[in-house]
Amino acid sequence: MYKNKAPDGRNNISGIRIKQFREQLPENTSQKQLSDMLQVAGLDVDKNAIQRIESGNRFITDIELKVIAKVLGVSYQDLLD
């Protein structure tokens, strides 16, 4: 039976990469700052959602992944590898 979790039990496979790319942004961008950037881009997520995504406790939709990749300046593939 298919399980809707990553092999390590996380609810997403891109949260770790999102955190890495966020920390590489200028001035070590905080989760709150990333949340603000995403809201400007039209994605309504708060700082707590960013924290849950990065820790693997929250699923990510394809729509969210697309906006996150754009804001971080990376491709979808960069977030999924």
C-alpha atoms as a PDB file:
ATOM      1  CA  MET A   1       0.000   0.000   0.000  1.00  0.00           C
ATOM      2  CA  TYR A   2       1.277   3.473  -0.895  1.00  0.00           C
ATOM      3  CA  LYS A   3       2.115   5.716   2.027  1.00  0.00           C
ATOM      4  CA  ASN A   4       1.797   9.468   1.695  1.00  0.00           C
ATOM      5  CA  LYS A   5       5.038  10.215   3.529  1.00  0.00           C
ATOM      6  CA  ALA A   6       8.724  10.381   2.709  1.00  0.00           C
ATOM      7  CA  PRO A   7      10.878   7.405   3.758  1.00  0.00           C
ATOM      8  CA  ASP A   8      12.014   9.334   6.844  1.00  0.00           C
ATOM      9  CA  GLY A   9       8.384   9.971   7.932  1.00  0.00           C
ATOM     10  CA  ARG A  10       8.254  13.582   6.779  1.00  0.00           C
ATOM     11  CA  ASN A  11       5.127  14.939   5.063  1.00  0.00           C
ATOM     12  CA  ASN A  12       7.211  16.499   2.297  1.00  0.00           C
ATOM     13  CA  ILE A  13      10.586  15.966   0.654  1.00  0.00           C
ATOM     14  CA  SER A  14      11.325  19.595  -0.132  1.00  0.00           C
ATOM     15  CA  GLY A  15      11.206  21.250   3.293  1.00  0.00           C
ATOM     16  CA  ILE A  16      14.872  20.630   4.021  1.00  0.00           C
ATOM     17  CA  ARG A  17      15.863  22.138   0.658  1.00  0.00           C
ATOM     18  CA  ILE A  18      13.537  25.111   1.170  1.00  0.00           C
ATOM     19  CA  LYS A  19      15.297  25.835   4.462  1.00  0.00           C
ATOM     20  CA  GLN A  20      18.726  25.532   2.826  1.00  0.00           C
ATOM     21  CA  PHE A  21      17.810  27.922   0.013  1.00  0.00           C
ATOM     22  CA  ARG A  22      16.125  30.349   2.448  1.00  0.00           C
ATOM     23  CA  GLU A  23      19.278  30.498   4.562  1.00  0.00           C
ATOM     24  CA  GLN A  24      21.341  31.227   1.433  1.00  0.00           C
ATOM     25  CA  LEU A  25      19.279  34.321   0.638  1.00  0.00           C
ATOM     26  CA  PRO A  26      20.827  37.700   1.493  1.00  0.00           C
ATOM     27  CA  GLU A  27      21.006  38.535   5.194  1.00  0.00           C
ATOM     28  CA  ASN A  28      20.044  34.966   6.229  1.00  0.00           C
ATOM     29  CA  THR A  29      16.338  35.502   5.524  1.00  0.00           C
ATOM     30  CA  SER A  30      14.093  34.468   8.424  1.00  0.00           C
ATOM     31  CA  GLN A  31      10.984  32.329   8.169  1.00  0.00           C
ATOM     32  CA  LYS A  32       8.892  35.462   8.768  1.00  0.00           C
ATOM     33  CA  GLN A  33      10.683  37.312   5.974  1.00  0.00           C
ATOM     34  CA  LEU A  34      10.117  34.365   3.614  1.00  0.00           C
ATOM     35  CA  SER A  35       6.452  34.333   4.601  1.00  0.00           C
ATOM     36  CA  ASP A  36       6.217  38.040   3.769  1.00  0.00           C
ATOM     37  CA  MET A  37       7.912  37.465   0.404  1.00  0.00           C
ATOM     38  CA  LEU A  38       5.491  34.654  -0.408  1.00  0.00           C
ATOM     39  CA  GLN A  39       2.493  36.786   0.533  1.00  0.00           C
ATOM     40  CA  VAL A  40       3.684  39.544  -1.816  1.00  0.00           C
ATOM     41  CA  ALA A  41       3.899  36.849  -4.528  1.00  0.00           C
ATOM     42  CA  GLY A  42       0.277  35.848  -3.828  1.00  0.00           C
ATOM     43  CA  LEU A  43       0.746  32.821  -1.575  1.00  0.00           C
ATOM     44  CA  ASP A  44      -0.915  33.267   1.807  1.00  0.00           C
ATOM     45  CA  VAL A  45       1.278  31.338   4.247  1.00  0.00           C
ATOM     46  CA  ASP A  46       2.368  32.538   7.656  1.00  0.00           C
ATOM     47  CA  LYS A  47       5.624  32.039   9.532  1.00  0.00           C
ATOM     48  CA  ASN A  48       4.212  29.013  11.351  1.00  0.00           C
ATOM     49  CA  ALA A  49       3.371  27.318   8.046  1.00  0.00           C
ATOM     50  CA  ILE A  50       6.948  27.920   6.856  1.00  0.00           C
ATOM     51  CA  GLN A  51       8.255  26.345  10.062  1.00  0.00           C
ATOM     52  CA  ARG A  52       6.004  23.291   9.606  1.00  0.00           C
ATOM     53  CA  ILE A  53       7.007  22.948   5.938  1.00  0.00           C
ATOM     54  CA  GLU A  54      10.719  23.127   6.744  1.00  0.00           C
ATOM     55  CA  SER A  55      10.387  20.623   9.590  1.00  0.00           C
ATOM     56  CA  GLY A  56       8.414  18.222   7.380  1.00  0.00           C
ATOM     57  CA  ASN A  57       5.229  18.391   9.433  1.00  0.00           C
ATOM     58  CA  ARG A  58       3.129  20.000   6.674  1.00  0.00           C
ATOM     59  CA  PHE A  59       2.289  18.844   3.186  1.00  0.00           C
ATOM     60  CA  ILE A  60       3.068  21.204   0.273  1.00  0.00           C
ATOM     61  CA  THR A  61       0.781  21.580  -2.726  1.00  0.00           C
ATOM     62  CA  ASP A  62       2.138  21.914  -6.241  1.00  0.00           C
ATOM     63  CA  ILE A  63       0.829  25.494  -6.342  1.00  0.00           C
ATOM     64  CA  GLU A  64       2.740  26.348  -3.167  1.00  0.00           C
ATOM     65  CA  LEU A  65       5.883  24.653  -4.462  1.00  0.00           C
ATOM     66  CA  LYS A  66       5.728  26.695  -7.666  1.00  0.00           C
ATOM     67  CA  VAL A  67       5.525  30.027  -5.798  1.00  0.00           C
ATOM     68  CA  ILE A  68       8.163  29.032  -3.237  1.00  0.00           C
ATOM     69  CA  ALA A  69      10.590  28.068  -6.015  1.00  0.00           C
ATOM     70  CA  LYS A  70       9.976  31.371  -7.795  1.00  0.00           C
ATOM     71  CA  VAL A  71      10.508  33.447  -4.640  1.00  0.00           C
ATOM     72  CA  LEU A  72      13.676  31.527  -3.754  1.00  0.00           C
ATOM     73  CA  GLY A  73      14.946  31.898  -7.324  1.00  0.00           C
ATOM     74  CA  VAL A  74      15.334  28.166  -7.911  1.00  0.00           C
ATOM     75  CA  SER A  75      13.619  25.494 -10.008  1.00  0.00           C
ATOM     76  CA  TYR A  76      11.072  22.962  -8.793  1.00  0.00           C
ATOM     77  CA  GLN A  77      13.672  20.268  -9.365  1.00  0.00           C
ATOM     78  CA  ASP A  78      16.085  22.038  -7.000  1.00  0.00           C
ATOM     79  CA  LEU A  79      13.462  21.761  -4.247  1.00  0.00           C
ATOM     80  CA  LEU A  80      12.626  18.125  -4.969  1.00  0.00           C
ATOM     81  CA  ASP A  81      16.175  16.732  -5.162  1.00  0.00           C
END
